[in-house]
Every structure is written in C-alpha cells, then in structure tokens.
Amino acid sequence: MLLGRVTGTVVASRKEPLMEGMTLLLIRQIDVDDSDQDGYVVAVDSVGAGVGEVVLYASGSSARQTALTKDRPCDAVIMAIVDTWEVDGDVVYSK
C-alpha cells in the first residue's frame, strides 16, 4: 500500500464496459513526512474519497483484489481514507 493525496478527478465518457460506473481519481504519491513525490496515478475509488484527502492505495495486481475491482482492468485502487499517522511517536498527519 502507498500513501497519496487526491488531487483531482478523471472523467472518461467512453471506456471498457467493465469500468462503467466507477469513479476515477487522480492521486499524487506522498512520503511519510507528508511531502509530494513525482508523478501521478489514476485510481478507482472504492471508498468515496474526495479531492484533498490523504488515502491508501494499491497498484498492480493487488488493485484487482477488492470487491469493486475484482476481475476488472484497473491498475490502481483507493482502499482507505487516512485519518492520522505517526512516525517515531510524532503525529505527522491528522485529518
């Protein structure tokens, strides 16, 4: 699993029929010190995340192991919305 921040939405009016009805969000990976990393990924949202929220996401074959994405052609899925995280006893992020 990776930490990321939802930075936007992706709309595709024509897509693979197995992807119909799925919400696609744009994510930027972040480090445990809450700093942005290079690059973006488009992920299927399985938890109702919104722009600006910090999320946990999986990519690769792991992305196809949620109830929503099973046997569907996706490479990344948001699996959780982060409330807080600590590093060495210090709270780095709190929603």
PDB file of N, CA and C in Angstrom:
ATOM      1  N   MET A   1       0.842  -1.183   0.000  1.00  0.00           N
ATOM      2  CA  MET A   1       0.000   0.000   0.000  1.00  0.00           C
ATOM      3  C   MET A   1       0.881   1.238   0.000  1.00  0.00           C
ATOM      4  N   LEU A   2       0.358   2.270  -0.596  1.00  0.00           N
ATOM      5  CA  LEU A   2       1.083   3.524  -0.722  1.00  0.00           C
ATOM      6  C   LEU A   2       0.220   4.662  -0.200  1.00  0.00           C
ATOM      7  N   LEU A   3       0.872   5.722   0.290  1.00  0.00           N
ATOM      8  CA  LEU A   3       0.169   6.924   0.722  1.00  0.00           C
ATOM      9  C   LEU A   3       0.074   7.886  -0.450  1.00  0.00           C
ATOM     10  N   GLY A   4      -1.082   8.521  -0.609  1.00  0.00           N
ATOM     11  CA  GLY A   4      -1.241   9.507  -1.664  1.00  0.00           C
ATOM     12  C   GLY A   4      -2.277  10.551  -1.283  1.00  0.00           C
ATOM     13  N   ARG A   5      -2.256  11.662  -2.016  1.00  0.00           N
ATOM     14  CA  ARG A   5      -3.252  12.713  -1.807  1.00  0.00           C
ATOM     15  C   ARG A   5      -4.066  12.837  -3.095  1.00  0.00           C
ATOM     16  N   VAL A   6      -5.374  12.855  -2.956  1.00  0.00           N
ATOM     17  CA  VAL A   6      -6.252  13.006  -4.114  1.00  0.00           C
ATOM     18  C   VAL A   6      -6.139  14.452  -4.602  1.00  0.00           C
ATOM     19  N   THR A   7      -5.742  14.607  -5.869  1.00  0.00           N
ATOM     20  CA  THR A   7      -5.534  15.944  -6.416  1.00  0.00           C
ATOM     21  C   THR A   7      -6.571  16.343  -7.454  1.00  0.00           C
ATOM     22  N   GLY A   8      -7.370  15.389  -7.902  1.00  0.00           N
ATOM     23  CA  GLY A   8      -8.374  15.726  -8.899  1.00  0.00           C
ATOM     24  C   GLY A   8      -9.193  14.522  -9.325  1.00  0.00           C
ATOM     25  N   THR A   9     -10.030  14.741 -10.301  1.00  0.00           N
ATOM     26  CA  THR A   9     -10.895  13.688 -10.822  1.00  0.00           C
ATOM     27  C   THR A   9     -10.552  13.433 -12.287  1.00  0.00           C
ATOM     28  N   VAL A  10     -10.924  12.261 -12.766  1.00  0.00           N
ATOM     29  CA  VAL A  10     -10.734  11.906 -14.169  1.00  0.00           C
ATOM     30  C   VAL A  10     -12.089  11.453 -14.703  1.00  0.00           C
ATOM     31  N   VAL A  11     -12.512  12.025 -15.812  1.00  0.00           N
ATOM     32  CA  VAL A  11     -13.782  11.655 -16.437  1.00  0.00           C
ATOM     33  C   VAL A  11     -13.482  11.054 -17.802  1.00  0.00           C
ATOM     34  N   ALA A  12     -14.021   9.876 -18.043  1.00  0.00           N
ATOM     35  CA  ALA A  12     -13.878   9.212 -19.335  1.00  0.00           C
ATOM     36  C   ALA A  12     -15.271   8.783 -19.788  1.00  0.00           C
ATOM     37  N   SER A  13     -15.802   9.444 -20.787  1.00  0.00           N
ATOM     38  CA  SER A  13     -17.168   9.133 -21.217  1.00  0.00           C
ATOM     39  C   SER A  13     -17.246   7.826 -21.999  1.00  0.00           C
ATOM     40  N   ARG A  14     -16.150   7.416 -22.608  1.00  0.00           N
ATOM     41  CA  ARG A  14     -16.105   6.127 -23.321  1.00  0.00           C
ATOM     42  C   ARG A  14     -15.025   5.280 -22.673  1.00  0.00           C
ATOM     43  N   LYS A  15     -15.405   4.104 -22.206  1.00  0.00           N
ATOM     44  CA  LYS A  15     -14.445   3.235 -21.544  1.00  0.00           C
ATOM     45  C   LYS A  15     -14.879   1.782 -21.640  1.00  0.00           C
ATOM     46  N   GLU A  16     -13.989   0.904 -21.235  1.00  0.00           N
ATOM     47  CA  GLU A  16     -14.268  -0.530 -21.176  1.00  0.00           C
ATOM     48  C   GLU A  16     -15.554  -0.744 -20.383  1.00  0.00           C
ATOM     49  N   PRO A  17     -16.502  -1.538 -20.880  1.00  0.00           N
ATOM     50  CA  PRO A  17     -17.763  -1.758 -20.171  1.00  0.00           C
ATOM     51  C   PRO A  17     -17.600  -2.229 -18.722  1.00  0.00           C
ATOM     52  N   LEU A  18     -16.550  -2.984 -18.417  1.00  0.00           N
ATOM     53  CA  LEU A  18     -16.341  -3.436 -17.033  1.00  0.00           C
ATOM     54  C   LEU A  18     -15.995  -2.285 -16.093  1.00  0.00           C
ATOM     55  N   MET A  19     -15.642  -1.134 -16.649  1.00  0.00           N
ATOM     56  CA  MET A  19     -15.282   0.029 -15.828  1.00  0.00           C
ATOM     57  C   MET A  19     -16.433   1.019 -15.672  1.00  0.00           C
ATOM     58  N   GLU A  20     -17.572   0.732 -16.282  1.00  0.00           N
ATOM     59  CA  GLU A  20     -18.741   1.617 -16.180  1.00  0.00           C
ATOM     60  C   GLU A  20     -19.136   1.806 -14.717  1.00  0.00           C
ATOM     61  N   GLY A  21     -19.461   3.038 -14.362  1.00  0.00           N
ATOM     62  CA  GLY A  21     -19.944   3.342 -13.018  1.00  0.00           C
ATOM     63  C   GLY A  21     -18.856   3.530 -11.978  1.00  0.00           C
ATOM     64  N   MET A  22     -17.600   3.369 -12.349  1.00  0.00           N
ATOM     65  CA  MET A  22     -16.506   3.525 -11.391  1.00  0.00           C
ATOM     66  C   MET A  22     -16.018   4.966 -11.385  1.00  0.00           C
ATOM     67  N   THR A  23     -15.736   5.486 -10.193  1.00  0.00           N
ATOM     68  CA  THR A  23     -15.177   6.826 -10.045  1.00  0.00           C
ATOM     69  C   THR A  23     -13.664   6.736 -10.161  1.00  0.00           C
ATOM     70  N   LEU A  24     -13.091   7.590 -10.998  1.00  0.00           N
ATOM     71  CA  LEU A  24     -11.647   7.626 -11.192  1.00  0.00           C
ATOM     72  C   LEU A  24     -11.093   8.913 -10.591  1.00  0.00           C
ATOM     73  N   LEU A  25     -10.063   8.777  -9.759  1.00  0.00           N
ATOM     74  CA  LEU A  25      -9.456   9.937  -9.108  1.00  0.00           C
ATOM     75  C   LEU A  25      -7.967  10.003  -9.439  1.00  0.00           C
ATOM     76  N   LEU A  26      -7.443  11.225  -9.482  1.00  0.00           N
ATOM     77  CA  LEU A  26      -6.029  11.460  -9.721  1.00  0.00           C
ATOM     78  C   LEU A  26      -5.317  11.585  -8.376  1.00  0.00           C
ATOM     79  N   ILE A  27      -4.255  10.804  -8.204  1.00  0.00           N
ATOM     80  CA  ILE A  27      -3.545  10.752  -6.921  1.00  0.00           C
ATOM     81  C   ILE A  27      -2.086  11.111  -7.129  1.00  0.00           C
ATOM     82  N   ARG A  28      -1.537  11.869  -6.186  1.00  0.00           N
ATOM     83  CA  ARG A  28      -0.101  12.133  -6.145  1.00  0.00           C
ATOM     84  C   ARG A  28       0.460  11.424  -4.927  1.00  0.00           C
ATOM     85  N   GLN A  29       1.463  10.581  -5.125  1.00  0.00           N
ATOM     86  CA  GLN A  29       2.062   9.843  -4.015  1.00  0.00           C
ATOM     87  C   GLN A  29       2.753  10.815  -3.063  1.00  0.00           C
ATOM     88  N   ILE A  30       2.674  10.518  -1.749  1.00  0.00           N
ATOM     89  CA  ILE A  30       3.355  11.330  -0.740  1.00  0.00           C
ATOM     90  C   ILE A  30       4.221  10.429   0.140  1.00  0.00           C
ATOM     91  N   ASP A  31       5.223  11.032   0.777  1.00  0.00           N
ATOM     92  CA  ASP A  31       6.093  10.329   1.720  1.00  0.00           C
ATOM     93  C   ASP A  31       5.504  10.388   3.125  1.00  0.00           C
ATOM     94  N   VAL A  32       6.119   9.657   4.046  1.00  0.00           N
ATOM     95  CA  VAL A  32       5.621   9.653   5.425  1.00  0.00           C
ATOM     96  C   VAL A  32       5.793  11.003   6.104  1.00  0.00           C
ATOM     97  N   ASP A  33       6.597  11.902   5.531  1.00  0.00           N
ATOM     98  CA  ASP A  33       6.711  13.256   6.091  1.00  0.00           C
ATOM     99  C   ASP A  33       5.715  14.213   5.428  1.00  0.00           C
ATOM    100  N   ASP A  34       4.751  13.653   4.671  1.00  0.00           N
ATOM    101  CA  ASP A  34       3.663  14.385   4.009  1.00  0.00           C
ATOM    102  C   ASP A  34       4.163  15.272   2.867  1.00  0.00           C
ATOM    103  N   SER A  35       5.307  14.931   2.257  1.00  0.00           N
ATOM    104  CA  SER A  35       5.795  15.706   1.120  1.00  0.00           C
ATOM    105  C   SER A  35       5.435  14.998  -0.183  1.00  0.00           C
ATOM    106  N   ASP A  36       5.113  15.797  -1.202  1.00  0.00           N
ATOM    107  CA  ASP A  36       4.725  15.261  -2.510  1.00  0.00           C
ATOM    108  C   ASP A  36       5.896  14.573  -3.188  1.00  0.00           C
ATOM    109  N   GLN A  37       5.586  13.511  -3.913  1.00  0.00           N
ATOM    110  CA  GLN A  37       6.561  12.810  -4.740  1.00  0.00           C
ATOM    111  C   GLN A  37       6.250  13.094  -6.200  1.00  0.00           C
ATOM    112  N   ASP A  38       7.156  12.727  -7.072  1.00  0.00           N
ATOM    113  CA  ASP A  38       6.964  12.957  -8.505  1.00  0.00           C
ATOM    114  C   ASP A  38       5.893  12.041  -9.069  1.00  0.00           C
ATOM    115  N   GLY A  39       5.173  12.547 -10.035  1.00  0.00           N
ATOM    116  CA  GLY A  39       4.234  11.731 -10.782  1.00  0.00           C
ATOM    117  C   GLY A  39       2.856  11.611 -10.173  1.00  0.00           C
ATOM    118  N   TYR A  40       1.958  11.126 -11.006  1.00  0.00           N
ATOM    119  CA  TYR A  40       0.558  10.943 -10.625  1.00  0.00           C
ATOM    120  C   TYR A  40       0.102   9.560 -11.057  1.00  0.00           C
ATOM    121  N   VAL A  41      -0.989   9.102 -10.452  1.00  0.00           N
ATOM    122  CA  VAL A  41      -1.596   7.834 -10.844  1.00  0.00           C
ATOM    123  C   VAL A  41      -3.119   8.031 -10.844  1.00  0.00           C
ATOM    124  N   VAL A  42      -3.790   7.371 -11.782  1.00  0.00           N
ATOM    125  CA  VAL A  42      -5.251   7.363 -11.810  1.00  0.00           C
ATOM    126  C   VAL A  42      -5.705   6.085 -11.113  1.00  0.00           C
ATOM    127  N   ALA A  43      -6.603   6.224 -10.136  1.00  0.00           N
ATOM    128  CA  ALA A  43      -7.046   5.068  -9.352  1.00  0.00           C
ATOM    129  C   ALA A  43      -8.561   5.017  -9.281  1.00  0.00           C
ATOM    130  N   VAL A  44      -9.083   3.809  -9.216  1.00  0.00           N
ATOM    131  CA  VAL A  44     -10.508   3.592  -8.973  1.00  0.00           C
ATOM    132  C   VAL A  44     -10.760   3.874  -7.501  1.00  0.00           C
ATOM    133  N   ASP A  45     -11.805   4.626  -7.206  1.00  0.00           N
ATOM    134  CA  ASP A  45     -12.148   4.959  -5.814  1.00  0.00           C
ATOM    135  C   ASP A  45     -13.165   3.952  -5.286  1.00  0.00           C
ATOM    136  N   SER A  46     -12.755   3.147  -4.298  1.00  0.00           N
ATOM    137  CA  SER A  46     -13.671   2.152  -3.738  1.00  0.00           C
ATOM    138  C   SER A  46     -14.214   2.567  -2.374  1.00  0.00           C
ATOM    139  N   VAL A  47     -13.855   3.778  -1.888  1.00  0.00           N
ATOM    140  CA  VAL A  47     -14.247   4.172  -0.523  1.00  0.00           C
ATOM    141  C   VAL A  47     -14.916   5.544  -0.437  1.00  0.00           C
ATOM    142  N   GLY A  48     -15.108   6.239  -1.545  1.00  0.00           N
ATOM    143  CA  GLY A  48     -15.759   7.548  -1.500  1.00  0.00           C
ATOM    144  C   GLY A  48     -14.838   8.683  -1.104  1.00  0.00           C
ATOM    145  N   ALA A  49     -13.584   8.636  -1.525  1.00  0.00           N
ATOM    146  CA  ALA A  49     -12.615   9.687  -1.206  1.00  0.00           C
ATOM    147  C   ALA A  49     -12.917  10.949  -2.002  1.00  0.00           C
ATOM    148  N   GLY A  50     -12.390  12.071  -1.524  1.00  0.00           N
ATOM    149  CA  GLY A  50     -12.592  13.339  -2.200  1.00  0.00           C
ATOM    150  C   GLY A  50     -11.282  14.066  -2.425  1.00  0.00           C
ATOM    151  N   VAL A  51     -11.329  15.093  -3.247  1.00  0.00           N
ATOM    152  CA  VAL A  51     -10.148  15.886  -3.553  1.00  0.00           C
ATOM    153  C   VAL A  51      -9.583  16.484  -2.262  1.00  0.00           C
ATOM    154  N   GLY A  52      -8.266  16.368  -2.088  1.00  0.00           N
ATOM    155  CA  GLY A  52      -7.578  16.889  -0.907  1.00  0.00           C
ATOM    156  C   GLY A  52      -7.359  15.857   0.182  1.00  0.00           C
ATOM    157  N   GLU A  53      -8.070  14.742   0.125  1.00  0.00           N
ATOM    158  CA  GLU A  53      -7.925  13.724   1.173  1.00  0.00           C
ATOM    159  C   GLU A  53      -6.674  12.878   0.958  1.00  0.00           C
ATOM    160  N   VAL A  54      -6.103  12.433   2.078  1.00  0.00           N
ATOM    161  CA  VAL A  54      -4.980  11.502   2.036  1.00  0.00           C
ATOM    162  C   VAL A  54      -5.554  10.097   2.065  1.00  0.00           C
ATOM    163  N   VAL A  55      -5.046   9.240   1.186  1.00  0.00           N
ATOM    164  CA  VAL A  55      -5.596   7.897   1.017  1.00  0.00           C
ATOM    165  C   VAL A  55      -4.484   6.856   1.003  1.00  0.00           C
ATOM    166  N   LEU A  56      -4.883   5.607   1.214  1.00  0.00           N
ATOM    167  CA  LEU A  56      -4.019   4.459   0.965  1.00  0.00           C
ATOM    168  C   LEU A  56      -4.485   3.842  -0.337  1.00  0.00           C
ATOM    169  N   TYR A  57      -3.525   3.549  -1.225  1.00  0.00           N
ATOM    170  CA  TYR A  57      -3.899   2.914  -2.481  1.00  0.00           C
ATOM    171  C   TYR A  57      -2.926   1.791  -2.811  1.00  0.00           C
ATOM    172  N   ALA A  58      -3.406   0.874  -3.612  1.00  0.00           N
ATOM    173  CA  ALA A  58      -2.586  -0.246  -4.076  1.00  0.00           C
ATOM    174  C   ALA A  58      -2.542  -0.192  -5.590  1.00  0.00           C
ATOM    175  N   SER A  59      -1.461  -0.714  -6.137  1.00  0.00           N
ATOM    176  CA  SER A  59      -1.350  -0.752  -7.593  1.00  0.00           C
ATOM    177  C   SER A  59      -0.912  -2.136  -8.045  1.00  0.00           C
ATOM    178  N   GLY A  60      -0.965  -2.350  -9.345  1.00  0.00           N
ATOM    179  CA  GLY A  60      -0.610  -3.653  -9.890  1.00  0.00           C
ATOM    180  C   GLY A  60      -1.711  -4.666  -9.649  1.00  0.00           C
ATOM    181  N   SER A  61      -1.324  -5.931  -9.554  1.00  0.00           N
ATOM    182  CA  SER A  61      -2.328  -6.993  -9.400  1.00  0.00           C
ATOM    183  C   SER A  61      -3.110  -6.860  -8.095  1.00  0.00           C
ATOM    184  N   SER A  62      -2.536  -6.235  -7.076  1.00  0.00           N
ATOM    185  CA  SER A  62      -3.250  -6.020  -5.810  1.00  0.00           C
ATOM    186  C   SER A  62      -4.477  -5.138  -5.987  1.00  0.00           C
ATOM    187  N   ALA A  63      -4.459  -4.282  -6.999  1.00  0.00           N
ATOM    188  CA  ALA A  63      -5.583  -3.374  -7.241  1.00  0.00           C
ATOM    189  C   ALA A  63      -6.833  -4.113  -7.680  1.00  0.00           C
ATOM    190  N   ARG A  64      -6.681  -5.331  -8.132  1.00  0.00           N
ATOM    191  CA  ARG A  64      -7.835  -6.096  -8.613  1.00  0.00           C
ATOM    192  C   ARG A  64      -8.348  -7.076  -7.560  1.00  0.00           C
ATOM    193  N   GLN A  65      -8.042  -6.818  -6.288  1.00  0.00           N
ATOM    194  CA  GLN A  65      -8.454  -7.745  -5.247  1.00  0.00           C
ATOM    195  C   GLN A  65      -9.467  -7.156  -4.281  1.00  0.00           C
ATOM    196  N   THR A  66     -10.079  -6.021  -4.611  1.00  0.00           N
ATOM    197  CA  THR A  66     -11.173  -5.507  -3.790  1.00  0.00           C
ATOM    198  C   THR A  66     -12.492  -6.018  -4.379  1.00  0.00           C
ATOM    199  N   ALA A  67     -13.551  -5.917  -3.610  1.00  0.00           N
ATOM    200  CA  ALA A  67     -14.860  -6.369  -4.098  1.00  0.00           C
ATOM    201  C   ALA A  67     -15.277  -5.590  -5.349  1.00  0.00           C
ATOM    202  N   LEU A  68     -14.959  -4.303  -5.393  1.00  0.00           N
ATOM    203  CA  LEU A  68     -15.356  -3.456  -6.516  1.00  0.00           C
ATOM    204  C   LEU A  68     -14.536  -3.730  -7.774  1.00  0.00           C
ATOM    205  N   THR A  69     -13.253  -4.034  -7.617  1.00  0.00           N
ATOM    206  CA  THR A  69     -12.361  -4.132  -8.774  1.00  0.00           C
ATOM    207  C   THR A  69     -12.014  -5.556  -9.195  1.00  0.00           C
ATOM    208  N   LYS A  70     -12.548  -6.546  -8.519  1.00  0.00           N
ATOM    209  CA  LYS A  70     -12.216  -7.939  -8.832  1.00  0.00           C
ATOM    210  C   LYS A  70     -12.491  -8.246 -10.308  1.00  0.00           C
ATOM    211  N   ASP A  71     -11.470  -8.784 -10.963  1.00  0.00           N
ATOM    212  CA  ASP A  71     -11.556  -9.186 -12.377  1.00  0.00           C
ATOM    213  C   ASP A  71     -11.856  -8.027 -13.326  1.00  0.00           C
ATOM    214  N   ARG A  72     -11.477  -6.813 -12.931  1.00  0.00           N
ATOM    215  CA  ARG A  72     -11.674  -5.649 -13.801  1.00  0.00           C
ATOM    216  C   ARG A  72     -10.307  -5.088 -14.200  1.00  0.00           C
ATOM    217  N   PRO A  73     -10.230  -4.435 -15.344  1.00  0.00           N
ATOM    218  CA  PRO A  73      -8.944  -3.958 -15.847  1.00  0.00           C
ATOM    219  C   PRO A  73      -8.490  -2.643 -15.215  1.00  0.00           C
ATOM    220  N   CYS A  74      -8.104  -2.686 -13.958  1.00  0.00           N
ATOM    221  CA  CYS A  74      -7.595  -1.481 -13.307  1.00  0.00           C
ATOM    222  C   CYS A  74      -6.216  -1.762 -12.720  1.00  0.00           C
ATOM    223  N   ASP A  75      -5.411  -0.708 -12.632  1.00  0.00           N
ATOM    224  CA  ASP A  75      -4.044  -0.856 -12.154  1.00  0.00           C
ATOM    225  C   ASP A  75      -3.818  -0.175 -10.811  1.00  0.00           C
ATOM    226  N   ALA A  76      -4.799   0.589 -10.322  1.00  0.00           N
ATOM    227  CA  ALA A  76      -4.668   1.231  -9.006  1.00  0.00           C
ATOM    228  C   ALA A  76      -6.057   1.391  -8.401  1.00  0.00           C
ATOM    229  N   VAL A  77      -6.139   1.222  -7.076  1.00  0.00           N
ATOM    230  CA  VAL A  77      -7.408   1.357  -6.373  1.00  0.00           C
ATOM    231  C   VAL A  77      -7.180   2.029  -5.025  1.00  0.00           C
ATOM    232  N   ILE A  78      -8.065   2.958  -4.668  1.00  0.00           N
ATOM    233  CA  ILE A  78      -8.037   3.578  -3.345  1.00  0.00           C
ATOM    234  C   ILE A  78      -8.790   2.658  -2.403  1.00  0.00           C
ATOM    235  N   MET A  79      -8.118   2.254  -1.308  1.00  0.00           N
ATOM    236  CA  MET A  79      -8.689   1.279  -0.377  1.00  0.00           C
ATOM    237  C   MET A  79      -9.032   1.859   0.982  1.00  0.00           C
ATOM    238  N   ALA A  80      -8.536   3.056   1.298  1.00  0.00           N
ATOM    239  CA  ALA A  80      -8.788   3.628   2.616  1.00  0.00           C
ATOM    240  C   ALA A  80      -8.555   5.130   2.586  1.00  0.00           C
ATOM    241  N   ILE A  81      -9.289   5.846   3.424  1.00  0.00           N
ATOM    242  CA  ILE A  81      -9.065   7.267   3.659  1.00  0.00           C
ATOM    243  C   ILE A  81      -8.347   7.368   4.994  1.00  0.00           C
ATOM    244  N   VAL A  82      -7.200   8.040   5.005  1.00  0.00           N
ATOM    245  CA  VAL A  82      -6.346   8.116   6.196  1.00  0.00           C
ATOM    246  C   VAL A  82      -6.871   9.174   7.165  1.00  0.00           C
ATOM    247  N   ASP A  83      -6.990   8.792   8.438  1.00  0.00           N
ATOM    248  CA  ASP A  83      -7.377   9.740   9.483  1.00  0.00           C
ATOM    249  C   ASP A  83      -6.153  10.367  10.138  1.00  0.00           C
ATOM    250  N   THR A  84      -5.137   9.539  10.399  1.00  0.00           N
ATOM    251  CA  THR A  84      -3.922  10.029  11.064  1.00  0.00           C
ATOM    252  C   THR A  84      -2.780   9.056  10.832  1.00  0.00           C
ATOM    253  N   TRP A  85      -1.538   9.551  10.952  1.00  0.00           N
ATOM    254  CA  TRP A  85      -0.399   8.640  11.018  1.00  0.00           C
ATOM    255  C   TRP A  85       0.695   9.258  11.860  1.00  0.00           C
ATOM    256  N   GLU A  86       1.465   8.365  12.474  1.00  0.00           N
ATOM    257  CA  GLU A  86       2.567   8.748  13.352  1.00  0.00           C
ATOM    258  C   GLU A  86       3.862   8.156  12.829  1.00  0.00           C
ATOM    259  N   VAL A  87       4.961   8.860  13.068  1.00  0.00           N
ATOM    260  CA  VAL A  87       6.294   8.364  12.771  1.00  0.00           C
ATOM    261  C   VAL A  87       7.154   8.601  14.013  1.00  0.00           C
ATOM    262  N   ASP A  88       7.716   7.538  14.565  1.00  0.00           N
ATOM    263  CA  ASP A  88       8.554   7.619  15.764  1.00  0.00           C
ATOM    264  C   ASP A  88       7.843   8.336  16.909  1.00  0.00           C
ATOM    265  N   GLY A  89       6.545   8.072  17.045  1.00  0.00           N
ATOM    266  CA  GLY A  89       5.773   8.641  18.154  1.00  0.00           C
ATOM    267  C   GLY A  89       5.243  10.039  17.918  1.00  0.00           C
ATOM    268  N   ASP A  90       5.604  10.670  16.804  1.00  0.00           N
ATOM    269  CA  ASP A  90       5.126  12.010  16.487  1.00  0.00           C
ATOM    270  C   ASP A  90       4.029  11.941  15.438  1.00  0.00           C
ATOM    271  N   VAL A  91       2.942  12.673  15.678  1.00  0.00           N
ATOM    272  CA  VAL A  91       1.864  12.732  14.699  1.00  0.00           C
ATOM    273  C   VAL A  91       2.325  13.604  13.537  1.00  0.00           C
ATOM    274  N   VAL A  92       2.386  12.999  12.355  1.00  0.00           N
ATOM    275  CA  VAL A  92       2.811  13.713  11.148  1.00  0.00           C
ATOM    276  C   VAL A  92       1.608  14.278  10.434  1.00  0.00           C
ATOM    277  N   TYR A  93       0.500  13.546  10.469  1.00  0.00           N
ATOM    278  CA  TYR A  93      -0.703  13.965   9.755  1.00  0.00           C
ATOM    279  C   TYR A  93      -1.925  13.617  10.577  1.00  0.00           C
ATOM    280  N   SER A  94      -2.880  14.529  10.608  1.00  0.00           N
ATOM    281  CA  SER A  94      -4.165  14.291  11.244  1.00  0.00           C
ATOM    282  C   SER A  94      -5.218  14.999  10.397  1.00  0.00           C
ATOM    283  N   LYS A  95      -6.257  14.269  10.049  1.00  0.00           N
ATOM    284  CA  LYS A  95      -7.303  14.795   9.163  1.00  0.00           C
ATOM    285  C   LYS A  95      -8.029  15.960   9.777  1.00  0.00           C
TER     286      LYS A  95
END
